[in-house]
N, C-alpha and C. Protein backbone atom coordinates (compact mmCIF):
# COMPACT_ATOMS: atom_id res chain seq x y z
N MET A 1 0.84 -1.18 0.00
CA MET A 1 0.00 0.00 0.00
C MET A 1 0.88 1.25 0.00
N ALA A 2 0.51 2.23 -0.77
CA ALA A 2 1.29 3.47 -0.87
C ALA A 2 0.67 4.55 0.00
N ILE A 3 1.51 5.45 0.41
CA ILE A 3 1.11 6.65 1.15
C ILE A 3 1.34 7.82 0.21
N GLU A 4 0.39 8.74 0.14
CA GLU A 4 0.51 9.87 -0.77
C GLU A 4 0.34 11.19 -0.02
N TYR A 5 1.28 12.07 -0.24
CA TYR A 5 1.19 13.44 0.24
C TYR A 5 1.06 14.34 -0.98
N ARG A 6 0.28 15.40 -0.85
CA ARG A 6 0.13 16.36 -1.95
C ARG A 6 0.33 17.77 -1.40
N LEU A 7 1.31 18.45 -1.96
CA LEU A 7 1.52 19.87 -1.67
C LEU A 7 0.87 20.64 -2.81
N THR A 8 -0.05 21.53 -2.48
CA THR A 8 -0.70 22.36 -3.49
C THR A 8 -0.28 23.80 -3.27
N LEU A 9 0.15 24.45 -4.35
CA LEU A 9 0.49 25.87 -4.34
C LEU A 9 -0.56 26.58 -5.18
N ALA A 10 -1.17 27.63 -4.64
CA ALA A 10 -2.16 28.40 -5.38
C ALA A 10 -1.47 29.35 -6.34
N GLY A 11 -2.05 29.50 -7.53
CA GLY A 11 -1.54 30.49 -8.47
C GLY A 11 -0.89 29.85 -9.69
N ASP A 12 -0.42 30.73 -10.56
CA ASP A 12 0.27 30.32 -11.79
C ASP A 12 1.75 30.14 -11.48
N VAL A 13 2.09 28.99 -11.01
CA VAL A 13 3.45 28.69 -10.57
C VAL A 13 4.16 27.95 -11.71
N PRO A 14 5.36 28.37 -12.08
CA PRO A 14 6.10 27.68 -13.15
C PRO A 14 6.49 26.26 -12.74
N LEU A 15 6.05 25.29 -13.52
CA LEU A 15 6.36 23.89 -13.21
C LEU A 15 7.86 23.63 -13.15
N GLU A 16 8.60 24.25 -14.05
CA GLU A 16 10.04 24.02 -14.09
C GLU A 16 10.72 24.46 -12.79
N ARG A 17 10.28 25.58 -12.23
CA ARG A 17 10.87 26.07 -10.98
C ARG A 17 10.57 25.11 -9.83
N VAL A 18 9.34 24.63 -9.77
CA VAL A 18 8.99 23.67 -8.72
C VAL A 18 9.79 22.39 -8.91
N ALA A 19 9.95 21.96 -10.14
CA ALA A 19 10.74 20.75 -10.41
C ALA A 19 12.20 20.93 -9.99
N GLU A 20 12.77 22.12 -10.20
CA GLU A 20 14.15 22.37 -9.75
C GLU A 20 14.27 22.14 -8.25
N LEU A 21 13.23 22.49 -7.51
CA LEU A 21 13.26 22.36 -6.06
C LEU A 21 12.89 20.96 -5.58
N ALA A 22 11.97 20.30 -6.30
CA ALA A 22 11.44 19.02 -5.84
C ALA A 22 12.07 17.81 -6.49
N ALA A 23 12.43 17.94 -7.77
CA ALA A 23 12.90 16.77 -8.50
C ALA A 23 13.76 17.17 -9.69
N PRO A 24 14.98 17.66 -9.43
CA PRO A 24 15.84 18.00 -10.56
C PRO A 24 15.97 16.79 -11.48
N GLY A 25 15.90 17.02 -12.76
CA GLY A 25 15.97 15.92 -13.71
C GLY A 25 14.64 15.27 -14.00
N ALA A 26 13.54 15.86 -13.51
CA ALA A 26 12.21 15.30 -13.79
C ALA A 26 11.96 15.31 -15.29
N THR A 27 11.23 14.32 -15.75
CA THR A 27 10.90 14.25 -17.17
C THR A 27 9.47 14.72 -17.39
N GLU A 28 9.23 15.24 -18.58
CA GLU A 28 7.91 15.79 -18.89
C GLU A 28 7.07 14.78 -19.65
N THR A 29 5.83 14.67 -19.22
CA THR A 29 4.81 13.89 -19.91
C THR A 29 3.53 14.73 -19.87
N SER A 30 2.41 14.13 -20.13
CA SER A 30 1.15 14.86 -19.99
C SER A 30 0.13 13.96 -19.35
N THR A 31 -0.89 14.56 -18.76
CA THR A 31 -1.95 13.82 -18.11
C THR A 31 -3.00 13.43 -19.15
N LEU A 32 -3.95 12.63 -18.77
CA LEU A 32 -5.03 12.26 -19.67
C LEU A 32 -5.81 13.47 -20.17
N SER A 33 -5.88 14.51 -19.33
CA SER A 33 -6.60 15.73 -19.72
C SER A 33 -5.74 16.66 -20.57
N GLY A 34 -4.48 16.29 -20.81
CA GLY A 34 -3.60 17.10 -21.64
C GLY A 34 -2.75 18.09 -20.88
N ASN A 35 -2.88 18.16 -19.56
CA ASN A 35 -2.05 19.06 -18.76
C ASN A 35 -0.62 18.56 -18.74
N ARG A 36 0.32 19.50 -18.67
CA ARG A 36 1.73 19.14 -18.54
C ARG A 36 1.98 18.50 -17.18
N MET A 37 2.88 17.52 -17.17
CA MET A 37 3.24 16.86 -15.92
C MET A 37 4.73 16.57 -15.95
N LEU A 38 5.39 16.90 -14.87
CA LEU A 38 6.80 16.55 -14.68
C LEU A 38 6.85 15.49 -13.59
N SER A 39 7.70 14.48 -13.78
CA SER A 39 7.77 13.42 -12.77
C SER A 39 9.17 12.86 -12.67
N ALA A 40 9.44 12.25 -11.52
CA ALA A 40 10.73 11.61 -11.28
C ALA A 40 10.56 10.50 -10.26
N ASN A 41 11.22 9.38 -10.50
CA ASN A 41 11.25 8.28 -9.56
C ASN A 41 12.46 8.48 -8.66
N LEU A 42 12.20 8.89 -7.44
CA LEU A 42 13.27 9.14 -6.47
C LEU A 42 13.22 8.13 -5.33
N ASN A 43 12.70 6.94 -5.62
CA ASN A 43 12.56 5.91 -4.58
C ASN A 43 13.88 5.56 -3.91
N GLU A 44 14.93 5.38 -4.69
CA GLU A 44 16.21 4.97 -4.11
C GLU A 44 16.80 6.04 -3.19
N GLU A 45 16.85 7.28 -3.68
CA GLU A 45 17.50 8.33 -2.89
C GLU A 45 16.60 9.02 -1.87
N CYS A 46 15.29 9.10 -2.13
CA CYS A 46 14.40 9.84 -1.25
C CYS A 46 13.23 9.04 -0.70
N GLY A 47 12.94 7.91 -1.29
CA GLY A 47 11.84 7.09 -0.80
C GLY A 47 10.49 7.42 -1.38
N TYR A 48 10.45 8.12 -2.52
CA TYR A 48 9.17 8.45 -3.13
C TYR A 48 9.31 8.69 -4.63
N VAL A 49 8.15 8.68 -5.28
CA VAL A 49 8.01 9.12 -6.66
C VAL A 49 7.29 10.45 -6.59
N VAL A 50 7.74 11.44 -7.35
CA VAL A 50 7.13 12.77 -7.31
C VAL A 50 6.57 13.12 -8.68
N THR A 51 5.37 13.71 -8.68
CA THR A 51 4.78 14.25 -9.91
C THR A 51 4.36 15.69 -9.64
N ILE A 52 4.49 16.53 -10.67
CA ILE A 52 4.18 17.96 -10.55
C ILE A 52 3.25 18.30 -11.71
N VAL A 53 2.05 18.78 -11.38
CA VAL A 53 1.02 19.05 -12.39
C VAL A 53 0.37 20.39 -12.08
N ALA A 54 0.11 21.17 -13.13
CA ALA A 54 -0.63 22.43 -12.98
C ALA A 54 -2.08 22.20 -13.37
N GLY A 55 -2.96 22.99 -12.78
CA GLY A 55 -4.37 22.88 -13.11
C GLY A 55 -5.11 24.16 -12.81
N SER A 56 -6.41 24.13 -13.07
CA SER A 56 -7.26 25.29 -12.77
C SER A 56 -8.58 24.81 -12.19
N HIS A 57 -9.26 25.73 -11.54
CA HIS A 57 -10.56 25.47 -10.91
C HIS A 57 -10.45 24.31 -9.92
N GLY A 58 -9.49 24.42 -9.00
CA GLY A 58 -9.25 23.35 -8.04
C GLY A 58 -10.30 23.31 -6.95
N TYR A 59 -10.47 22.13 -6.40
CA TYR A 59 -11.33 21.95 -5.24
C TYR A 59 -10.67 20.91 -4.35
N TYR A 60 -10.42 21.29 -3.10
CA TYR A 60 -9.77 20.40 -2.15
C TYR A 60 -10.55 20.43 -0.84
N GLU A 61 -10.63 19.28 -0.21
CA GLU A 61 -11.17 19.22 1.14
C GLU A 61 -10.45 18.12 1.89
N ALA A 62 -10.35 18.32 3.20
CA ALA A 62 -9.67 17.36 4.06
C ALA A 62 -10.11 17.63 5.49
N GLU A 63 -9.85 16.67 6.35
CA GLU A 63 -10.12 16.85 7.78
C GLU A 63 -8.97 17.62 8.40
N ASP A 64 -9.33 18.67 9.17
CA ASP A 64 -8.29 19.37 9.92
C ASP A 64 -8.57 19.19 11.41
N ASP A 65 -7.94 19.98 12.24
CA ASP A 65 -8.07 19.84 13.68
C ASP A 65 -9.49 20.04 14.17
N GLY A 66 -10.27 20.84 13.46
CA GLY A 66 -11.60 21.18 13.95
C GLY A 66 -12.73 20.78 13.04
N GLY A 67 -12.50 19.97 12.04
CA GLY A 67 -13.58 19.58 11.15
C GLY A 67 -13.13 19.52 9.71
N LEU A 68 -13.97 19.98 8.82
CA LEU A 68 -13.71 19.90 7.40
C LEU A 68 -13.10 21.20 6.89
N TRP A 69 -11.99 21.09 6.18
CA TRP A 69 -11.31 22.22 5.56
C TRP A 69 -11.59 22.14 4.07
N MET A 70 -11.91 23.27 3.44
CA MET A 70 -12.15 23.32 2.00
C MET A 70 -11.38 24.49 1.40
N TRP A 71 -10.95 24.30 0.15
CA TRP A 71 -10.15 25.31 -0.54
C TRP A 71 -10.41 25.19 -2.02
N GLU A 72 -10.58 26.31 -2.72
CA GLU A 72 -10.85 26.32 -4.15
C GLU A 72 -9.96 27.31 -4.88
N PRO A 73 -8.68 26.98 -5.07
CA PRO A 73 -7.80 27.88 -5.81
C PRO A 73 -8.18 27.93 -7.29
N GLU A 74 -8.15 29.11 -7.86
CA GLU A 74 -8.48 29.27 -9.28
C GLU A 74 -7.46 28.54 -10.16
N THR A 75 -6.18 28.75 -9.89
CA THR A 75 -5.11 28.01 -10.56
C THR A 75 -4.20 27.46 -9.47
N TYR A 76 -3.48 26.40 -9.80
CA TYR A 76 -2.67 25.73 -8.78
C TYR A 76 -1.62 24.83 -9.42
N VAL A 77 -0.68 24.42 -8.60
CA VAL A 77 0.26 23.37 -8.95
C VAL A 77 0.23 22.36 -7.81
N ASP A 78 0.07 21.10 -8.18
CA ASP A 78 0.13 20.00 -7.21
C ASP A 78 1.48 19.32 -7.32
N VAL A 79 2.09 19.08 -6.17
CA VAL A 79 3.32 18.29 -6.09
C VAL A 79 2.94 17.05 -5.28
N ASP A 80 2.86 15.92 -5.96
CA ASP A 80 2.44 14.68 -5.32
C ASP A 80 3.64 13.80 -5.01
N PHE A 81 3.68 13.32 -3.76
CA PHE A 81 4.74 12.43 -3.30
C PHE A 81 4.09 11.09 -2.98
N ARG A 82 4.47 10.06 -3.70
CA ARG A 82 3.93 8.72 -3.47
C ARG A 82 5.05 7.85 -2.93
N MET A 83 4.83 7.31 -1.73
CA MET A 83 5.88 6.51 -1.10
C MET A 83 5.35 5.17 -0.59
N ARG A 84 6.23 4.22 -0.55
CA ARG A 84 5.87 2.91 -0.02
C ARG A 84 5.78 3.02 1.50
N LYS A 85 4.89 2.24 2.05
CA LYS A 85 4.69 2.26 3.50
C LYS A 85 5.96 1.88 4.26
N ASP A 86 6.76 0.99 3.70
CA ASP A 86 7.97 0.54 4.38
C ASP A 86 9.09 1.59 4.38
N THR A 87 8.98 2.63 3.56
CA THR A 87 10.00 3.68 3.54
C THR A 87 9.50 4.98 4.18
N LEU A 88 8.25 5.01 4.61
CA LEU A 88 7.61 6.24 5.09
C LEU A 88 8.39 6.91 6.22
N THR A 89 8.61 6.23 7.31
CA THR A 89 9.15 6.85 8.51
C THR A 89 10.62 7.22 8.38
N GLU A 90 11.43 6.28 7.92
CA GLU A 90 12.87 6.49 7.89
C GLU A 90 13.34 7.35 6.73
N GLN A 91 12.73 7.20 5.57
CA GLN A 91 13.24 7.86 4.38
C GLN A 91 12.22 8.80 3.73
N GLY A 92 11.03 8.29 3.44
CA GLY A 92 10.05 9.04 2.65
C GLY A 92 9.60 10.36 3.27
N ARG A 93 9.03 10.29 4.47
CA ARG A 93 8.49 11.51 5.08
C ARG A 93 9.58 12.56 5.36
N PRO A 94 10.72 12.19 5.95
CA PRO A 94 11.74 13.23 6.19
C PRO A 94 12.22 13.90 4.90
N HIS A 95 12.46 13.11 3.83
CA HIS A 95 12.90 13.71 2.56
C HIS A 95 11.79 14.56 1.95
N MET A 96 10.56 14.08 2.03
CA MET A 96 9.44 14.84 1.48
C MET A 96 9.28 16.16 2.20
N LEU A 97 9.36 16.15 3.52
CA LEU A 97 9.20 17.40 4.27
C LEU A 97 10.35 18.37 4.03
N ARG A 98 11.56 17.86 3.80
CA ARG A 98 12.66 18.74 3.41
C ARG A 98 12.35 19.40 2.07
N THR A 99 11.81 18.63 1.14
CA THR A 99 11.45 19.17 -0.17
C THR A 99 10.34 20.19 -0.03
N VAL A 100 9.33 19.88 0.76
CA VAL A 100 8.24 20.84 1.01
C VAL A 100 8.82 22.12 1.61
N GLY A 101 9.74 21.98 2.55
CA GLY A 101 10.38 23.15 3.15
C GLY A 101 11.11 24.00 2.13
N ARG A 102 11.85 23.36 1.20
CA ARG A 102 12.55 24.10 0.14
C ARG A 102 11.56 24.85 -0.75
N ILE A 103 10.48 24.18 -1.11
CA ILE A 103 9.48 24.81 -1.98
C ILE A 103 8.84 26.00 -1.27
N LEU A 104 8.44 25.81 -0.03
CA LEU A 104 7.79 26.90 0.70
C LEU A 104 8.74 28.06 0.96
N ALA A 105 10.03 27.77 1.16
CA ALA A 105 11.01 28.83 1.38
C ALA A 105 11.24 29.64 0.10
N ASP A 106 11.13 28.98 -1.05
CA ASP A 106 11.39 29.63 -2.33
C ASP A 106 10.16 30.35 -2.89
N ARG A 107 8.98 29.83 -2.62
CA ARG A 107 7.73 30.35 -3.18
C ARG A 107 6.93 31.03 -2.08
N SER A 108 6.08 31.99 -2.44
CA SER A 108 5.30 32.72 -1.43
C SER A 108 3.79 32.45 -1.50
N GLU A 109 3.37 31.60 -2.43
CA GLU A 109 1.95 31.37 -2.62
C GLU A 109 1.31 30.68 -1.41
N ASP A 110 -0.02 30.86 -1.28
CA ASP A 110 -0.76 30.06 -0.31
C ASP A 110 -0.55 28.60 -0.67
N ALA A 111 -0.54 27.73 0.35
CA ALA A 111 -0.22 26.33 0.10
C ALA A 111 -0.93 25.44 1.11
N ALA A 112 -1.04 24.16 0.75
CA ALA A 112 -1.59 23.16 1.66
C ALA A 112 -0.90 21.84 1.41
N LEU A 113 -0.64 21.11 2.49
CA LEU A 113 -0.08 19.77 2.42
C LEU A 113 -1.12 18.82 2.99
N VAL A 114 -1.51 17.83 2.18
CA VAL A 114 -2.58 16.90 2.55
C VAL A 114 -2.06 15.47 2.45
N LEU A 115 -2.44 14.64 3.39
CA LEU A 115 -2.06 13.23 3.42
C LEU A 115 -3.22 12.38 2.90
N ASN A 116 -2.96 11.55 1.89
CA ASN A 116 -3.93 10.60 1.35
C ASN A 116 -5.29 11.21 1.02
N ASP A 117 -5.30 12.45 0.56
CA ASP A 117 -6.53 13.16 0.19
C ASP A 117 -7.51 13.30 1.34
N ASN A 118 -7.09 12.99 2.57
CA ASN A 118 -8.02 13.01 3.71
C ASN A 118 -7.62 13.91 4.86
N TRP A 119 -6.34 14.06 5.10
CA TRP A 119 -5.89 14.72 6.33
C TRP A 119 -5.04 15.94 6.01
N LEU A 120 -5.48 17.09 6.49
CA LEU A 120 -4.73 18.33 6.32
C LEU A 120 -3.55 18.33 7.29
N MET A 121 -2.35 18.52 6.75
CA MET A 121 -1.15 18.48 7.57
C MET A 121 -0.57 19.86 7.83
N LEU A 122 -0.63 20.72 6.81
CA LEU A 122 0.04 22.02 6.89
C LEU A 122 -0.64 22.97 5.92
N THR A 123 -0.79 24.23 6.33
CA THR A 123 -1.28 25.26 5.41
C THR A 123 -0.40 26.49 5.54
N ARG A 124 -0.36 27.26 4.45
CA ARG A 124 0.21 28.59 4.50
C ARG A 124 -0.81 29.50 3.84
N VAL A 125 -1.30 30.46 4.61
CA VAL A 125 -2.29 31.42 4.14
C VAL A 125 -1.77 32.81 4.48
N ASP A 126 -1.66 33.67 3.48
CA ASP A 126 -1.15 35.03 3.67
C ASP A 126 0.19 35.03 4.41
N GLY A 127 1.04 34.07 4.07
CA GLY A 127 2.38 34.01 4.63
C GLY A 127 2.51 33.32 5.97
N THR A 128 1.39 32.94 6.59
CA THR A 128 1.43 32.30 7.89
C THR A 128 1.27 30.79 7.75
N ILE A 129 2.26 30.06 8.28
CA ILE A 129 2.23 28.60 8.22
C ILE A 129 1.60 28.07 9.50
N ARG A 130 0.73 27.09 9.31
CA ARG A 130 0.07 26.45 10.44
C ARG A 130 0.10 24.94 10.22
N ARG A 131 0.51 24.21 11.24
CA ARG A 131 0.49 22.75 11.19
C ARG A 131 -0.85 22.27 11.73
N HIS A 132 -1.38 21.21 11.10
CA HIS A 132 -2.67 20.63 11.49
C HIS A 132 -2.46 19.16 11.82
N ASN A 133 -3.35 18.61 12.64
CA ASN A 133 -3.27 17.19 13.02
C ASN A 133 -1.85 16.83 13.45
N GLU A 134 -1.24 17.73 14.18
CA GLU A 134 0.19 17.65 14.50
C GLU A 134 0.58 16.39 15.28
N ALA A 135 -0.28 15.95 16.17
CA ALA A 135 0.07 14.81 17.02
C ALA A 135 0.30 13.54 16.21
N ASP A 136 -0.31 13.45 15.05
CA ASP A 136 -0.22 12.24 14.25
C ASP A 136 1.02 12.14 13.36
N TRP A 137 1.73 13.25 13.16
CA TRP A 137 2.82 13.18 12.18
C TRP A 137 4.03 14.01 12.51
N TYR A 138 3.92 15.01 13.36
CA TYR A 138 5.01 15.96 13.50
C TYR A 138 6.06 15.49 14.49
N ASP A 139 7.31 15.70 14.11
CA ASP A 139 8.45 15.40 14.96
C ASP A 139 9.26 16.69 15.08
N GLU A 140 9.78 16.99 16.25
CA GLU A 140 10.54 18.23 16.44
C GLU A 140 11.75 18.33 15.52
N ALA A 141 12.25 17.21 15.04
CA ALA A 141 13.38 17.23 14.12
C ALA A 141 13.02 17.96 12.83
N TYR A 142 11.73 18.01 12.48
CA TYR A 142 11.29 18.68 11.26
C TYR A 142 11.41 20.21 11.37
N ASP A 143 11.54 20.73 12.58
CA ASP A 143 11.66 22.18 12.75
C ASP A 143 12.84 22.76 11.98
N SER A 144 13.87 21.97 11.77
CA SER A 144 15.07 22.49 11.11
C SER A 144 14.87 22.69 9.60
N PHE A 145 13.87 22.07 9.01
CA PHE A 145 13.71 22.26 7.57
C PHE A 145 12.32 22.68 7.12
N LEU A 146 11.39 22.84 8.03
CA LEU A 146 10.09 23.42 7.66
C LEU A 146 10.04 24.86 8.15
N PRO A 147 9.68 25.78 7.28
CA PRO A 147 9.60 27.18 7.73
C PRO A 147 8.49 27.35 8.75
N ARG A 148 8.65 28.36 9.57
CA ARG A 148 7.62 28.66 10.58
C ARG A 148 6.72 29.74 10.09
């Protein structure tokens, strides 16, 4: 079974710039709907496969600390991290969160990090980062690479 995290950035974000931060050397393909997609298999070095796709008229919902969170960015870029369950704790999640930290440090857009399309983990709204459902996933070691 795979675990999937999705970082969404609101706005017209250049895919190439996100790929430089998330997956240098990513290759370009397209989705079934014709959208551009960049992807890279980083299982060996990072514990995940990453895909980067731009879209419009987004709709997202997930459970947060107090109920249901919903967000509808007009345009967006999704950075999807798919990892095997056996690499999640030791390799996948720490590398993924470092990558999320690099992206958030480089970009200023509103953002959300969601686990398995169900659980809101992190948001950035108007420059303020907030962690959600923290007891289930957060480790103090992540403070060194996630912006506050």
